[in-house]
Amino acid sequence: PRVSFLGLTNEKITLLAANSIRATVATETNKVATWVDDTLSTVALKLEHSTQAFPELQGERMVSLHCCALYTCAQLENSLYW
């Protein structure tokens, strides 16, 4: 139901990280989207974002995602974390 809002309609998800209230996905085109549980709608706008291509990730491949309640960390193929 949130695919359109998150901009994931034509994206292929390659990585997923989640915890009890928040989830993040990375796509084949190196974009990232994050959302939170609907029960947290009062803070959702501060903690979630639709699919975005971050300039600093272009040319780098994400190999893993790690997610907590406030942020997401991506490990890149060159062993750096973003």
PDB file of N, CA and C in Angstrom:
ATOM      1  N   PRO A   1       0.793  -1.206   0.000  1.00  0.00           N
ATOM      2  CA  PRO A   1       0.000   0.000   0.000  1.00  0.00           C
ATOM      3  C   PRO A   1       0.843   1.282   0.000  1.00  0.00           C
ATOM      4  N   ARG A   2       2.100   1.223   0.412  1.00  0.00           N
ATOM      5  CA  ARG A   2       2.922   2.436   0.468  1.00  0.00           C
ATOM      6  C   ARG A   2       3.940   2.498  -0.656  1.00  0.00           C
ATOM      7  N   VAL A   3       3.864   1.568  -1.588  1.00  0.00           N
ATOM      8  CA  VAL A   3       4.836   1.506  -2.682  1.00  0.00           C
ATOM      9  C   VAL A   3       4.848   2.797  -3.490  1.00  0.00           C
ATOM     10  N   SER A   4       3.692   3.294  -3.852  1.00  0.00           N
ATOM     11  CA  SER A   4       3.624   4.531  -4.644  1.00  0.00           C
ATOM     12  C   SER A   4       4.180   5.713  -3.868  1.00  0.00           C
ATOM     13  N   PHE A   5       3.760   5.867  -2.613  1.00  0.00           N
ATOM     14  CA  PHE A   5       4.232   6.964  -1.772  1.00  0.00           C
ATOM     15  C   PHE A   5       5.754   6.936  -1.628  1.00  0.00           C
ATOM     16  N   LEU A   6       6.328   5.752  -1.519  1.00  0.00           N
ATOM     17  CA  LEU A   6       7.774   5.620  -1.339  1.00  0.00           C
ATOM     18  C   LEU A   6       8.544   5.675  -2.651  1.00  0.00           C
ATOM     19  N   GLY A   7       7.847   5.696  -3.773  1.00  0.00           N
ATOM     20  CA  GLY A   7       8.521   5.768  -5.065  1.00  0.00           C
ATOM     21  C   GLY A   7       9.175   4.467  -5.474  1.00  0.00           C
ATOM     22  N   LEU A   8       8.619   3.357  -5.030  1.00  0.00           N
ATOM     23  CA  LEU A   8       9.208   2.043  -5.304  1.00  0.00           C
ATOM     24  C   LEU A   8       8.494   1.278  -6.409  1.00  0.00           C
ATOM     25  N   THR A   9       7.567   1.901  -7.103  1.00  0.00           N
ATOM     26  CA  THR A   9       6.742   1.212  -8.089  1.00  0.00           C
ATOM     27  C   THR A   9       7.552   0.471  -9.140  1.00  0.00           C
ATOM     28  N   ASN A  10       8.560   1.093  -9.721  1.00  0.00           N
ATOM     29  CA  ASN A  10       9.349   0.455 -10.778  1.00  0.00           C
ATOM     30  C   ASN A  10      10.755   0.090 -10.327  1.00  0.00           C
ATOM     31  N   GLU A  11      10.938  -0.073  -9.026  1.00  0.00           N
ATOM     32  CA  GLU A  11      12.256  -0.384  -8.476  1.00  0.00           C
ATOM     33  C   GLU A  11      12.333  -1.850  -8.061  1.00  0.00           C
ATOM     34  N   LYS A  12      13.517  -2.426  -8.188  1.00  0.00           N
ATOM     35  CA  LYS A  12      13.772  -3.784  -7.715  1.00  0.00           C
ATOM     36  C   LYS A  12      14.547  -3.672  -6.404  1.00  0.00           C
ATOM     37  N   ILE A  13      13.952  -4.168  -5.319  1.00  0.00           N
ATOM     38  CA  ILE A  13      14.582  -4.087  -4.003  1.00  0.00           C
ATOM     39  C   ILE A  13      15.665  -5.152  -3.891  1.00  0.00           C
ATOM     40  N   THR A  14      16.857  -4.722  -3.470  1.00  0.00           N
ATOM     41  CA  THR A  14      17.984  -5.647  -3.336  1.00  0.00           C
ATOM     42  C   THR A  14      18.388  -5.880  -1.887  1.00  0.00           C
ATOM     43  N   LEU A  15      18.140  -4.908  -1.016  1.00  0.00           N
ATOM     44  CA  LEU A  15      18.486  -5.042   0.402  1.00  0.00           C
ATOM     45  C   LEU A  15      17.339  -4.517   1.255  1.00  0.00           C
ATOM     46  N   LEU A  16      17.171  -5.124   2.430  1.00  0.00           N
ATOM     47  CA  LEU A  16      16.137  -4.717   3.369  1.00  0.00           C
ATOM     48  C   LEU A  16      16.703  -4.798   4.773  1.00  0.00           C
ATOM     49  N   ALA A  17      16.462  -3.761   5.572  1.00  0.00           N
ATOM     50  CA  ALA A  17      16.815  -3.776   6.991  1.00  0.00           C
ATOM     51  C   ALA A  17      15.615  -3.244   7.757  1.00  0.00           C
ATOM     52  N   ALA A  18      15.353  -3.812   8.928  1.00  0.00           N
ATOM     53  CA  ALA A  18      14.201  -3.372   9.707  1.00  0.00           C
ATOM     54  C   ALA A  18      14.431  -3.626  11.187  1.00  0.00           C
ATOM     55  N   ASN A  19      13.706  -2.869  11.996  1.00  0.00           N
ATOM     56  CA  ASN A  19      13.630  -3.153  13.421  1.00  0.00           C
ATOM     57  C   ASN A  19      12.161  -3.061  13.804  1.00  0.00           C
ATOM     58  N   SER A  20      11.855  -2.902  15.059  1.00  0.00           N
ATOM     59  CA  SER A  20      10.458  -2.967  15.486  1.00  0.00           C
ATOM     60  C   SER A  20       9.578  -1.837  14.957  1.00  0.00           C
ATOM     61  N   ILE A  21      10.158  -0.674  14.609  1.00  0.00           N
ATOM     62  CA  ILE A  21       9.324   0.450  14.163  1.00  0.00           C
ATOM     63  C   ILE A  21       9.729   1.046  12.823  1.00  0.00           C
ATOM     64  N   ARG A  22      10.866   0.660  12.276  1.00  0.00           N
ATOM     65  CA  ARG A  22      11.401   1.345  11.097  1.00  0.00           C
ATOM     66  C   ARG A  22      11.969   0.331  10.110  1.00  0.00           C
ATOM     67  N   ALA A  23      11.886   0.652   8.822  1.00  0.00           N
ATOM     68  CA  ALA A  23      12.456  -0.213   7.785  1.00  0.00           C
ATOM     69  C   ALA A  23      13.101   0.641   6.697  1.00  0.00           C
ATOM     70  N   THR A  24      14.139   0.090   6.082  1.00  0.00           N
ATOM     71  CA  THR A  24      14.839   0.750   4.984  1.00  0.00           C
ATOM     72  C   THR A  24      15.090  -0.273   3.895  1.00  0.00           C
ATOM     73  N   VAL A  25      14.945   0.143   2.648  1.00  0.00           N
ATOM     74  CA  VAL A  25      15.284  -0.712   1.516  1.00  0.00           C
ATOM     75  C   VAL A  25      16.269   0.014   0.615  1.00  0.00           C
ATOM     76  N   ALA A  26      17.086  -0.778  -0.069  1.00  0.00           N
ATOM     77  CA  ALA A  26      17.969  -0.268  -1.119  1.00  0.00           C
ATOM     78  C   ALA A  26      17.535  -0.941  -2.408  1.00  0.00           C
ATOM     79  N   THR A  27      17.635  -0.220  -3.509  1.00  0.00           N
ATOM     80  CA  THR A  27      17.183  -0.751  -4.785  1.00  0.00           C
ATOM     81  C   THR A  27      18.360  -1.049  -5.707  1.00  0.00           C
ATOM     82  N   GLU A  28      18.057  -1.738  -6.775  1.00  0.00           N
ATOM     83  CA  GLU A  28      19.059  -2.090  -7.776  1.00  0.00           C
ATOM     84  C   GLU A  28      19.696  -0.847  -8.405  1.00  0.00           C
ATOM     85  N   THR A  29      18.962   0.251  -8.430  1.00  0.00           N
ATOM     86  CA  THR A  29      19.482   1.498  -9.000  1.00  0.00           C
ATOM     87  C   THR A  29      20.160   2.370  -7.945  1.00  0.00           C
ATOM     88  N   ASN A  30      20.502   1.769  -6.806  1.00  0.00           N
ATOM     89  CA  ASN A  30      21.241   2.435  -5.723  1.00  0.00           C
ATOM     90  C   ASN A  30      20.453   3.560  -5.057  1.00  0.00           C
ATOM     91  N   LYS A  31      19.151   3.393  -4.970  1.00  0.00           N
ATOM     92  CA  LYS A  31      18.304   4.351  -4.264  1.00  0.00           C
ATOM     93  C   LYS A  31      17.921   3.763  -2.910  1.00  0.00           C
ATOM     94  N   VAL A  32      17.565   4.641  -1.978  1.00  0.00           N
ATOM     95  CA  VAL A  32      17.228   4.226  -0.620  1.00  0.00           C
ATOM     96  C   VAL A  32      15.881   4.836  -0.231  1.00  0.00           C
ATOM     97  N   ALA A  33      15.033   4.042   0.428  1.00  0.00           N
ATOM     98  CA  ALA A  33      13.758   4.533   0.962  1.00  0.00           C
ATOM     99  C   ALA A  33      13.606   4.027   2.392  1.00  0.00           C
ATOM    100  N   THR A  34      13.024   4.863   3.249  1.00  0.00           N
ATOM    101  CA  THR A  34      12.838   4.519   4.657  1.00  0.00           C
ATOM    102  C   THR A  34      11.423   4.875   5.089  1.00  0.00           C
ATOM    103  N   TRP A  35      10.824   4.030   5.925  1.00  0.00           N
ATOM    104  CA  TRP A  35       9.504   4.328   6.460  1.00  0.00           C
ATOM    105  C   TRP A  35       9.388   3.780   7.871  1.00  0.00           C
ATOM    106  N   VAL A  36       8.390   4.293   8.607  1.00  0.00           N
ATOM    107  CA  VAL A  36       8.162   3.854   9.980  1.00  0.00           C
ATOM    108  C   VAL A  36       6.760   3.280  10.113  1.00  0.00           C
ATOM    109  N   ASP A  37       6.529   2.598  11.218  1.00  0.00           N
ATOM    110  CA  ASP A  37       5.237   2.005  11.517  1.00  0.00           C
ATOM    111  C   ASP A  37       4.153   3.088  11.535  1.00  0.00           C
ATOM    112  N   ASP A  38       2.980   2.755  11.038  1.00  0.00           N
ATOM    113  CA  ASP A  38       1.871   3.713  10.960  1.00  0.00           C
ATOM    114  C   ASP A  38       1.452   4.268  12.320  1.00  0.00           C
ATOM    115  N   THR A  39       1.705   3.537  13.395  1.00  0.00           N
ATOM    116  CA  THR A  39       1.316   4.025  14.721  1.00  0.00           C
ATOM    117  C   THR A  39       2.155   5.220  15.158  1.00  0.00           C
ATOM    118  N   LEU A  40       3.237   5.503  14.452  1.00  0.00           N
ATOM    119  CA  LEU A  40       4.110   6.631  14.780  1.00  0.00           C
ATOM    120  C   LEU A  40       3.904   7.801  13.825  1.00  0.00           C
ATOM    121  N   SER A  41       2.700   7.967  13.352  1.00  0.00           N
ATOM    122  CA  SER A  41       2.432   8.984  12.329  1.00  0.00           C
ATOM    123  C   SER A  41       2.826  10.396  12.758  1.00  0.00           C
ATOM    124  N   THR A  42       2.859  10.668  14.054  1.00  0.00           N
ATOM    125  CA  THR A  42       3.222  12.015  14.509  1.00  0.00           C
ATOM    126  C   THR A  42       4.688  12.348  14.261  1.00  0.00           C
ATOM    127  N   VAL A  43       5.544  11.335  14.176  1.00  0.00           N
ATOM    128  CA  VAL A  43       6.970  11.579  13.915  1.00  0.00           C
ATOM    129  C   VAL A  43       7.413  11.043  12.560  1.00  0.00           C
ATOM    130  N   ALA A  44       6.504  10.443  11.833  1.00  0.00           N
ATOM    131  CA  ALA A  44       6.857   9.785  10.572  1.00  0.00           C
ATOM    132  C   ALA A  44       7.543  10.716   9.584  1.00  0.00           C
ATOM    133  N   LEU A  45       7.087  11.933   9.469  1.00  0.00           N
ATOM    134  CA  LEU A  45       7.671  12.854   8.488  1.00  0.00           C
ATOM    135  C   LEU A  45       9.129  13.174   8.778  1.00  0.00           C
ATOM    136  N   LYS A  46       9.543  13.043  10.023  1.00  0.00           N
ATOM    137  CA  LYS A  46      10.931  13.312  10.388  1.00  0.00           C
ATOM    138  C   LYS A  46      11.825  12.086  10.195  1.00  0.00           C
ATOM    139  N   LEU A  47      11.240  10.896  10.198  1.00  0.00           N
ATOM    140  CA  LEU A  47      12.027   9.666  10.177  1.00  0.00           C
ATOM    141  C   LEU A  47      11.952   8.884   8.876  1.00  0.00           C
ATOM    142  N   GLU A  48      11.104   9.279   7.948  1.00  0.00           N
ATOM    143  CA  GLU A  48      10.996   8.510   6.713  1.00  0.00           C
ATOM    144  C   GLU A  48      11.181   9.394   5.492  1.00  0.00           C
ATOM    145  N   HIS A  49      11.547   8.754   4.386  1.00  0.00           N
ATOM    146  CA  HIS A  49      11.693   9.478   3.127  1.00  0.00           C
ATOM    147  C   HIS A  49      11.415   8.530   1.975  1.00  0.00           C
ATOM    148  N   SER A  50      10.940   9.092   0.887  1.00  0.00           N
ATOM    149  CA  SER A  50      10.686   8.293  -0.310  1.00  0.00           C
ATOM    150  C   SER A  50      12.019   7.935  -0.966  1.00  0.00           C
ATOM    151  N   THR A  51      11.947   7.166  -2.021  1.00  0.00           N
ATOM    152  CA  THR A  51      13.146   6.702  -2.713  1.00  0.00           C
ATOM    153  C   THR A  51      14.001   7.880  -3.160  1.00  0.00           C
ATOM    154  N   GLN A  52      15.264   7.842  -2.763  1.00  0.00           N
ATOM    155  CA  GLN A  52      16.200   8.903  -3.121  1.00  0.00           C
ATOM    156  C   GLN A  52      17.506   8.303  -3.602  1.00  0.00           C
ATOM    157  N   ALA A  53      18.103   8.958  -4.575  1.00  0.00           N
ATOM    158  CA  ALA A  53      19.443   8.589  -5.040  1.00  0.00           C
ATOM    159  C   ALA A  53      20.409   9.601  -4.437  1.00  0.00           C
ATOM    160  N   PHE A  54      21.163   9.195  -3.447  1.00  0.00           N
ATOM    161  CA  PHE A  54      22.109  10.096  -2.801  1.00  0.00           C
ATOM    162  C   PHE A  54      23.375  10.193  -3.645  1.00  0.00           C
ATOM    163  N   PRO A  55      23.829  11.400  -3.971  1.00  0.00           N
ATOM    164  CA  PRO A  55      24.996  11.582  -4.851  1.00  0.00           C
ATOM    165  C   PRO A  55      26.246  10.858  -4.356  1.00  0.00           C
ATOM    166  N   GLU A  56      26.447  10.816  -3.047  1.00  0.00           N
ATOM    167  CA  GLU A  56      27.646  10.174  -2.511  1.00  0.00           C
ATOM    168  C   GLU A  56      27.637   8.650  -2.643  1.00  0.00           C
ATOM    169  N   LEU A  57      26.489   8.078  -2.995  1.00  0.00           N
ATOM    170  CA  LEU A  57      26.413   6.628  -3.190  1.00  0.00           C
ATOM    171  C   LEU A  57      26.537   6.212  -4.654  1.00  0.00           C
ATOM    172  N   GLN A  58      26.515   7.159  -5.561  1.00  0.00           N
ATOM    173  CA  GLN A  58      26.588   6.821  -6.980  1.00  0.00           C
ATOM    174  C   GLN A  58      27.965   6.243  -7.306  1.00  0.00           C
ATOM    175  N   GLY A  59      27.968   5.152  -8.018  1.00  0.00           N
ATOM    176  CA  GLY A  59      29.209   4.470  -8.357  1.00  0.00           C
ATOM    177  C   GLY A  59      29.659   3.496  -7.285  1.00  0.00           C
ATOM    178  N   GLU A  60      28.955   3.458  -6.168  1.00  0.00           N
ATOM    179  CA  GLU A  60      29.262   2.529  -5.080  1.00  0.00           C
ATOM    180  C   GLU A  60      28.121   1.525  -4.969  1.00  0.00           C
ATOM    181  N   ARG A  61      28.450   0.278  -4.674  1.00  0.00           N
ATOM    182  CA  ARG A  61      27.417  -0.739  -4.496  1.00  0.00           C
ATOM    183  C   ARG A  61      27.239  -1.003  -3.007  1.00  0.00           C
ATOM    184  N   MET A  62      25.995  -0.977  -2.547  1.00  0.00           N
ATOM    185  CA  MET A  62      25.702  -1.313  -1.157  1.00  0.00           C
ATOM    186  C   MET A  62      25.681  -2.826  -1.010  1.00  0.00           C
ATOM    187  N   VAL A  63      26.327  -3.337   0.031  1.00  0.00           N
ATOM    188  CA  VAL A  63      26.349  -4.779   0.257  1.00  0.00           C
ATOM    189  C   VAL A  63      25.531  -5.186   1.476  1.00  0.00           C
ATOM    190  N   SER A  64      25.249  -4.230   2.384  1.00  0.00           N
ATOM    191  CA  SER A  64      24.372  -4.539   3.513  1.00  0.00           C
ATOM    192  C   SER A  64      23.786  -3.260   4.092  1.00  0.00           C
ATOM    193  N   LEU A  65      22.641  -3.420   4.733  1.00  0.00           N
ATOM    194  CA  LEU A  65      21.965  -2.316   5.416  1.00  0.00           C
ATOM    195  C   LEU A  65      21.765  -2.707   6.871  1.00  0.00           C
ATOM    196  N   HIS A  66      21.849  -1.725   7.754  1.00  0.00           N
ATOM    197  CA  HIS A  66      21.597  -1.936   9.176  1.00  0.00           C
ATOM    198  C   HIS A  66      20.708  -0.788   9.634  1.00  0.00           C
ATOM    199  N   CYS A  67      19.659  -1.106  10.374  1.00  0.00           N
ATOM    200  CA  CYS A  67      18.641  -0.116  10.706  1.00  0.00           C
ATOM    201  C   CYS A  67      18.345  -0.139  12.205  1.00  0.00           C
ATOM    202  N   CYS A  68      18.230   1.037  12.810  1.00  0.00           N
ATOM    203  CA  CYS A  68      17.735   1.156  14.180  1.00  0.00           C
ATOM    204  C   CYS A  68      16.565   2.139  14.157  1.00  0.00           C
ATOM    205  N   ALA A  69      16.057   2.512  15.306  1.00  0.00           N
ATOM    206  CA  ALA A  69      14.867   3.365  15.349  1.00  0.00           C
ATOM    207  C   ALA A  69      15.088   4.755  14.754  1.00  0.00           C
ATOM    208  N   LEU A  70      16.320   5.254  14.768  1.00  0.00           N
ATOM    209  CA  LEU A  70      16.561   6.624  14.315  1.00  0.00           C
ATOM    210  C   LEU A  70      17.326   6.766  13.011  1.00  0.00           C
ATOM    211  N   TYR A  71      18.102   5.778  12.629  1.00  0.00           N
ATOM    212  CA  TYR A  71      18.914   5.939  11.422  1.00  0.00           C
ATOM    213  C   TYR A  71      19.193   4.600  10.752  1.00  0.00           C
ATOM    214  N   THR A  72      19.747   4.679   9.550  1.00  0.00           N
ATOM    215  CA  THR A  72      20.156   3.508   8.783  1.00  0.00           C
ATOM    216  C   THR A  72      21.615   3.666   8.407  1.00  0.00           C
ATOM    217  N   CYS A  73      22.333   2.573   8.444  1.00  0.00           N
ATOM    218  CA  CYS A  73      23.740   2.564   8.053  1.00  0.00           C
ATOM    219  C   CYS A  73      23.890   1.579   6.892  1.00  0.00           C
ATOM    220  N   ALA A  74      24.554   2.010   5.841  1.00  0.00           N
ATOM    221  CA  ALA A  74      24.778   1.145   4.679  1.00  0.00           C
ATOM    222  C   ALA A  74      26.261   0.828   4.570  1.00  0.00           C
ATOM    223  N   GLN A  75      26.581  -0.450   4.404  1.00  0.00           N
ATOM    224  CA  GLN A  75      27.967  -0.840   4.149  1.00  0.00           C
ATOM    225  C   GLN A  75      28.147  -0.912   2.640  1.00  0.00           C
ATOM    226  N   LEU A  76      29.183  -0.246   2.154  1.00  0.00           N
ATOM    227  CA  LEU A  76      29.464  -0.223   0.729  1.00  0.00           C
ATOM    228  C   LEU A  76      30.446  -1.320   0.364  1.00  0.00           C
ATOM    229  N   GLU A  77      30.506  -1.634  -0.919  1.00  0.00           N
ATOM    230  CA  GLU A  77      31.382  -2.694  -1.409  1.00  0.00           C
ATOM    231  C   GLU A  77      32.851  -2.435  -1.059  1.00  0.00           C
ATOM    232  N   ASN A  78      33.241  -1.168  -0.950  1.00  0.00           N
ATOM    233  CA  ASN A  78      34.628  -0.836  -0.623  1.00  0.00           C
ATOM    234  C   ASN A  78      34.878  -0.835   0.886  1.00  0.00           C
ATOM    235  N   SER A  79      33.959  -1.400   1.664  1.00  0.00           N
ATOM    236  CA  SER A  79      34.030  -1.556   3.121  1.00  0.00           C
ATOM    237  C   SER A  79      33.794  -0.271   3.907  1.00  0.00           C
ATOM    238  N   LEU A  80      33.460   0.820   3.249  1.00  0.00           N
ATOM    239  CA  LEU A  80      33.103   2.042   3.959  1.00  0.00           C
ATOM    240  C   LEU A  80      31.645   1.966   4.396  1.00  0.00           C
ATOM    241  N   TYR A  81      31.324   2.689   5.456  1.00  0.00           N
ATOM    242  CA  TYR A  81      29.945   2.774   5.927  1.00  0.00           C
ATOM    243  C   TYR A  81      29.416   4.166   5.653  1.00  0.00           C
ATOM    244  N   TRP A  82      28.150   4.223   5.252  1.00  0.00           N
ATOM    245  CA  TRP A  82      27.521   5.513   4.970  1.00  0.00           C
ATOM    246  C   TRP A  82      26.237   5.611   5.752  1.00  0.00           C
TER     247      TRP A  82
END
